[in-house]
Protein backbone atom coordinates (compact mmCIF):
# COMPACT_ATOMS: atom_id res chain seq x y z
CA MET A 1 -9.40 -25.18 4.87
CA SER A 2 -6.38 -27.19 6.03
CA LEU A 3 -8.01 -28.80 9.07
CA ASN A 4 -7.53 -32.54 9.34
CA SER A 5 -9.94 -35.14 10.69
CA LYS A 6 -9.47 -34.50 14.40
CA GLY A 7 -9.54 -30.73 13.99
CA LYS A 8 -12.83 -30.93 12.08
CA ASN A 9 -14.19 -33.40 14.64
CA ILE A 10 -13.43 -31.05 17.55
CA LEU A 11 -15.40 -28.27 15.88
CA ARG A 12 -18.21 -30.65 14.94
CA LYS A 13 -18.57 -32.14 18.44
CA SER A 14 -18.93 -28.72 20.02
CA GLY A 15 -21.75 -26.27 19.41
CA TYR A 16 -19.45 -24.24 17.19
CA ARG A 17 -21.62 -24.59 14.07
CA ARG A 18 -24.41 -22.73 15.87
CA VAL A 19 -22.24 -19.64 16.30
CA ARG A 20 -20.00 -19.87 13.24
CA ASP A 21 -21.95 -17.40 11.11
CA GLN A 22 -22.06 -14.94 13.98
CA LEU A 23 -18.33 -15.32 14.54
CA LEU A 24 -17.67 -14.74 10.84
CA LYS A 25 -19.87 -11.64 10.95
CA ASP A 26 -18.19 -10.28 14.10
CA VAL A 27 -14.70 -10.80 12.66
CA THR A 28 -15.76 -9.01 9.47
CA GLU A 29 -17.21 -6.17 11.55
CA SER A 30 -13.94 -5.94 13.47
CA ILE A 31 -12.07 -5.60 10.18
CA ASN A 32 -14.62 -3.06 8.96
CA ILE A 33 -14.18 -0.89 12.06
CA GLU A 34 -10.45 -1.08 12.75
CA GLY A 35 -8.87 -3.38 10.18
CA SER A 36 -5.59 -2.41 8.56
CA TYR A 37 -3.66 -3.76 5.60
CA GLY A 38 -1.26 -6.36 6.99
CA ASP A 39 -3.37 -7.31 10.03
CA LYS A 40 -3.32 -10.95 11.05
CA ILE A 41 -6.81 -12.49 10.90
CA ILE A 42 -6.08 -14.36 14.11
CA ASP A 43 -5.76 -11.03 15.95
CA HIS A 44 -9.31 -10.09 14.93
CA ILE A 45 -10.49 -13.56 16.00
CA ASP A 46 -8.71 -13.05 19.32
CA ARG A 47 -10.48 -9.71 19.79
CA VAL A 48 -13.91 -11.11 18.93
CA ILE A 49 -13.79 -14.47 20.72
CA ASP A 50 -13.40 -12.75 24.09
CA LYS A 51 -16.97 -11.45 23.89
CA ASP A 52 -19.34 -12.90 26.48
CA VAL A 53 -21.54 -14.42 23.78
CA TYR A 54 -18.74 -16.86 22.92
CA THR A 55 -17.86 -17.90 26.49
CA GLU A 56 -19.83 -21.13 26.30
CA ILE A 57 -18.38 -22.26 22.98
CA LYS A 58 -14.86 -21.31 24.10
CA ASN A 59 -15.25 -23.53 27.15
CA GLU A 60 -16.62 -26.40 25.04
CA LEU A 61 -13.79 -26.19 22.52
CA SER A 62 -11.17 -25.84 25.26
CA GLU A 63 -12.40 -29.01 26.98
CA LEU A 64 -12.36 -30.94 23.69
CA ILE A 65 -8.81 -29.75 22.92
CA LYS A 66 -7.66 -30.77 26.39
CA GLU A 67 -9.34 -34.16 25.98
CA ASN A 68 -7.87 -34.84 22.53
CA LEU A 69 -4.36 -33.48 23.08
CA GLY A 70 -3.86 -34.06 26.79
CA ILE A 71 -2.98 -30.40 27.36
CA GLU A 72 -3.93 -28.74 30.64
CA ASP A 73 -2.27 -25.33 30.29
CA GLN A 74 -5.08 -22.93 29.37
CA GLU A 75 -2.77 -20.58 27.49
CA GLU A 76 -1.62 -23.41 25.24
CA VAL A 77 -5.19 -24.58 24.75
CA SER A 78 -6.19 -21.03 23.75
CA LYS A 79 -3.48 -20.97 21.04
CA PHE A 80 -4.75 -24.20 19.50
CA LEU A 81 -8.34 -22.97 19.70
CA LYS A 82 -7.63 -19.74 17.82
CA VAL A 83 -5.65 -21.53 15.11
CA LEU A 84 -8.53 -23.97 14.60
CA LEU A 85 -10.93 -21.04 14.23
CA GLN A 86 -8.61 -19.27 11.82
CA GLU A 87 -8.28 -22.35 9.64
CA ASP A 88 -12.04 -22.79 9.59
CA ILE A 89 -13.14 -19.25 8.69
CA SER A 90 -10.17 -17.79 6.80
CA PRO A 91 -11.06 -19.46 3.45
CA GLU A 92 -14.48 -17.78 3.58
CA LEU A 93 -12.93 -14.44 4.52
CA SER A 94 -10.51 -14.83 1.63
CA GLU A 95 -13.43 -15.07 -0.79
CA ASN A 96 -14.51 -11.54 0.11
CA LEU A 97 -11.33 -9.83 1.36
CA TYR A 98 -7.83 -9.84 -0.07
CA THR A 99 -5.60 -12.11 2.01
CA HIS A 100 -2.23 -13.77 1.73
CA GLU A 101 -0.29 -16.27 3.81
CA HIS A 102 3.20 -16.10 5.24
CA GLY A 103 5.10 -18.14 7.80
CA ARG A 104 3.40 -19.42 10.92
CA LYS A 105 5.62 -18.43 13.86
CA ASP A 106 3.48 -15.32 14.34
CA ILE A 107 0.60 -17.49 15.50
CA ILE A 108 2.02 -20.81 16.68
CA SER A 109 5.39 -22.25 17.67
CA ASP A 110 7.12 -25.00 15.69
CA GLU A 111 6.56 -27.41 18.57
CA ASP A 112 2.82 -26.71 18.76
CA TYR A 113 2.58 -26.86 14.97
CA ARG A 114 4.18 -30.33 14.96
CA THR A 115 1.88 -31.44 17.78
CA GLY A 116 -1.17 -30.31 15.84
CA LYS A 117 0.05 -32.05 12.70
CA GLN A 118 0.89 -35.31 14.52
CA GLU A 119 -2.46 -35.28 16.30
CA LYS A 120 -4.21 -34.70 12.94
CA LEU A 121 -5.65 -31.30 13.84
CA TRP A 122 -4.38 -29.81 10.59
CA GLU A 123 -2.40 -30.49 7.45
CA HIS A 124 -0.78 -27.08 7.28
CA VAL A 125 -0.98 -23.77 9.13
CA SER A 126 0.08 -20.31 7.99
CA THR A 127 -0.37 -16.80 9.29
CA VAL A 128 -3.27 -15.42 7.24
CA VAL A 129 -2.81 -11.70 6.63
CA LEU A 130 -5.27 -9.12 5.31
CA GLY A 131 -4.35 -7.54 1.99
CA LYS A 132 -2.22 -8.59 -0.93
CA GLU A 133 1.42 -9.25 -0.14
CA THR A 134 3.59 -6.18 -0.80
CA SER A 135 7.19 -5.12 -0.36
CA PRO A 136 8.86 -1.71 0.09
CA PHE A 137 10.35 -2.06 -3.41
CA ASP A 138 6.91 -2.76 -4.92
CA ASP A 139 5.47 0.28 -3.14
CA LEU A 140 8.35 2.45 -4.37
CA MET A 141 7.71 1.35 -7.95
CA ILE A 142 3.99 2.11 -7.58
CA LEU A 143 4.71 5.61 -6.27
CA LEU A 144 7.27 6.37 -8.97
CA LYS A 145 4.90 5.08 -11.66
CA GLU A 146 1.96 7.14 -10.40
CA HIS A 147 3.83 10.40 -9.73
CA SER A 148 5.82 11.66 -12.70
CA ILE A 149 7.00 14.77 -10.78
CA ILE A 150 8.66 12.60 -8.13
CA ARG A 151 10.09 10.34 -10.82
CA TRP A 152 11.64 13.17 -12.82
CA THR A 153 12.88 14.99 -9.71
CA LEU A 154 14.65 11.80 -8.70
CA VAL A 155 16.23 11.46 -12.14
CA ILE A 156 17.36 15.09 -12.19
CA GLY A 157 18.75 14.79 -8.66
CA PHE A 158 20.90 11.81 -9.57
CA PHE A 159 21.87 13.51 -12.85
CA LEU A 160 23.13 16.58 -10.96
CA LEU A 161 25.04 14.38 -8.52
CA GLY A 162 26.60 12.63 -11.52
CA ILE A 163 27.74 15.98 -12.95
CA SER A 164 29.08 16.94 -9.53
CA SER A 165 31.01 13.68 -9.29
CA PHE A 166 32.55 14.37 -12.69
CA LEU A 167 33.50 17.97 -11.80
CA LEU A 168 34.84 17.14 -8.35
CA ARG A 169 36.42 13.94 -9.72
CA SER A 170 35.06 12.01 -6.76
CA VAL A 171 31.71 10.33 -6.08
CA TYR A 172 32.42 10.59 -2.36
CA LYS A 173 32.97 14.36 -2.45
CA SER A 174 29.86 14.79 -4.56
CA VAL A 175 27.74 12.79 -2.10
CA ILE A 176 29.13 14.81 0.84
CA ALA A 177 28.27 18.04 -0.98
CA GLY A 178 24.78 16.73 -1.72
CA LEU A 179 23.94 15.26 1.68
CA THR A 180 25.56 17.76 4.01
CA LEU A 181 25.84 20.83 1.74
CA THR A 182 29.50 20.95 2.75
CA ALA A 183 31.47 22.56 -0.07
CA GLU A 184 34.72 21.08 -1.35
CA PRO A 185 37.49 23.68 -0.70
CA GLY A 186 38.72 25.44 -3.81
CA GLU A 187 38.00 28.53 -5.88
CA SER A 188 38.27 27.15 -9.39
CA LEU A 189 35.19 27.25 -11.60
CA ARG A 190 35.20 23.44 -11.83
CA ILE A 191 35.08 22.97 -8.05
CA MET A 192 32.48 25.70 -7.53
CA LEU A 193 30.22 24.20 -10.19
CA GLY A 194 30.77 20.76 -8.68
CA ASN A 195 29.70 22.05 -5.25
CA ILE A 196 26.65 23.80 -6.66
CA THR A 197 25.41 20.86 -8.74
CA GLY A 198 26.07 18.46 -5.84
CA ALA A 199 24.10 20.67 -3.43
CA LEU A 200 21.21 21.06 -5.88
CA GLY A 201 21.14 17.31 -6.50
CA GLY A 202 21.12 16.64 -2.76
CA ILE A 203 18.28 19.11 -2.17
CA LEU A 204 16.17 17.53 -4.91
CA LEU A 205 16.78 14.03 -3.55
CA PHE A 206 15.87 15.23 -0.05
CA PHE A 207 12.52 16.54 -1.31
CA VAL A 208 11.98 13.28 -3.17
CA PHE A 209 12.57 11.38 0.09
CA ILE A 210 10.08 13.57 1.98
CA SER A 211 7.53 13.26 -0.83
CA LEU A 212 7.88 9.47 -0.87
CA LEU A 213 7.31 9.31 2.91
CA ILE A 214 4.14 11.38 2.59
CA GLN A 215 2.88 9.38 -0.38
CA ASP A 216 3.67 6.09 1.37
CA LYS A 217 1.50 7.18 4.31
CA TYR A 218 -1.26 8.04 1.85
CA LEU A 219 -0.85 4.69 0.07
CA ALA A 220 -1.14 2.81 3.38
CA SER A 221 -4.21 4.85 4.38
CA ASN A 222 -5.82 4.24 0.99
CA ARG A 223 -5.23 0.50 1.28
CA ASP A 224 -6.80 0.43 4.75
CA GLU A 225 -9.82 2.33 3.46
CA LYS A 226 -10.29 -0.08 0.53
CA LEU A 227 -10.02 -3.05 2.89
CA ARG A 228 -12.66 -1.64 5.21
CA LYS A 229 -14.95 -0.90 2.26
CA LEU A 230 -14.65 -4.53 1.17
CA ALA A 231 -15.52 -5.64 4.71
CA ASP A 232 -18.49 -3.25 4.78
CA LYS A 233 -19.69 -4.54 1.41
CA THR A 234 -19.37 -8.13 2.65
CA LEU A 235 -21.42 -7.33 5.76
CA LYS A 236 -24.22 -5.78 3.69
CA GLU A 237 -24.29 -8.48 1.03
CA LYS A 238 -23.74 -11.55 3.16
CA PHE A 239 -25.05 -10.83 6.64
CA GLU A 240 -27.56 -7.98 6.40
CA LYS A 241 -29.92 -9.23 3.71
């Protein structure tokens, strides 16, 4: 937890500790029901904290934030409140669910971040995201590693385009033949073979592209399902004993 002295004091002075376990449970339930890989934890907090059961504690925390920071705008107060809650419960969520951190502009502006740091609400704030950090390149490598048919189709597609480039004596003409199935004019055997191999290579690469899109959807769905299972397991082991 990166909360500093004043941030911890605001939570301690309110009745927050009485509802903390329930808040943690409700956030976990929210993730279990509709959580997705890449969700921001603060969005689930935002969804849960609007329940009537938390109205009293929201009002208490809002008044303490106004008192300590001299802020009257309720929208600004709400931003600080949700960040404080994220910083308090996210370490515990991270023990049971995969999370990673990136940036902070998704949840708080630079100005508000500096205000919170100067006022000793926190040492550091990041956007806490559900799931391990991934990239499109990492996902592509996973899919190619797991699916040998896609991998070899991709290799053969590029190999045929390479032959076409050699026969047509132009990478550009080969790519045009592969992507648009537009034949290079000419009746020589070399040109005809170049057009055919380019077209075949393009068709194979097109099917690879479609296959990767389908598999990427499946990968994302599988990740969401695993995340929800972890949340369900946490609920049963931690809150429903």
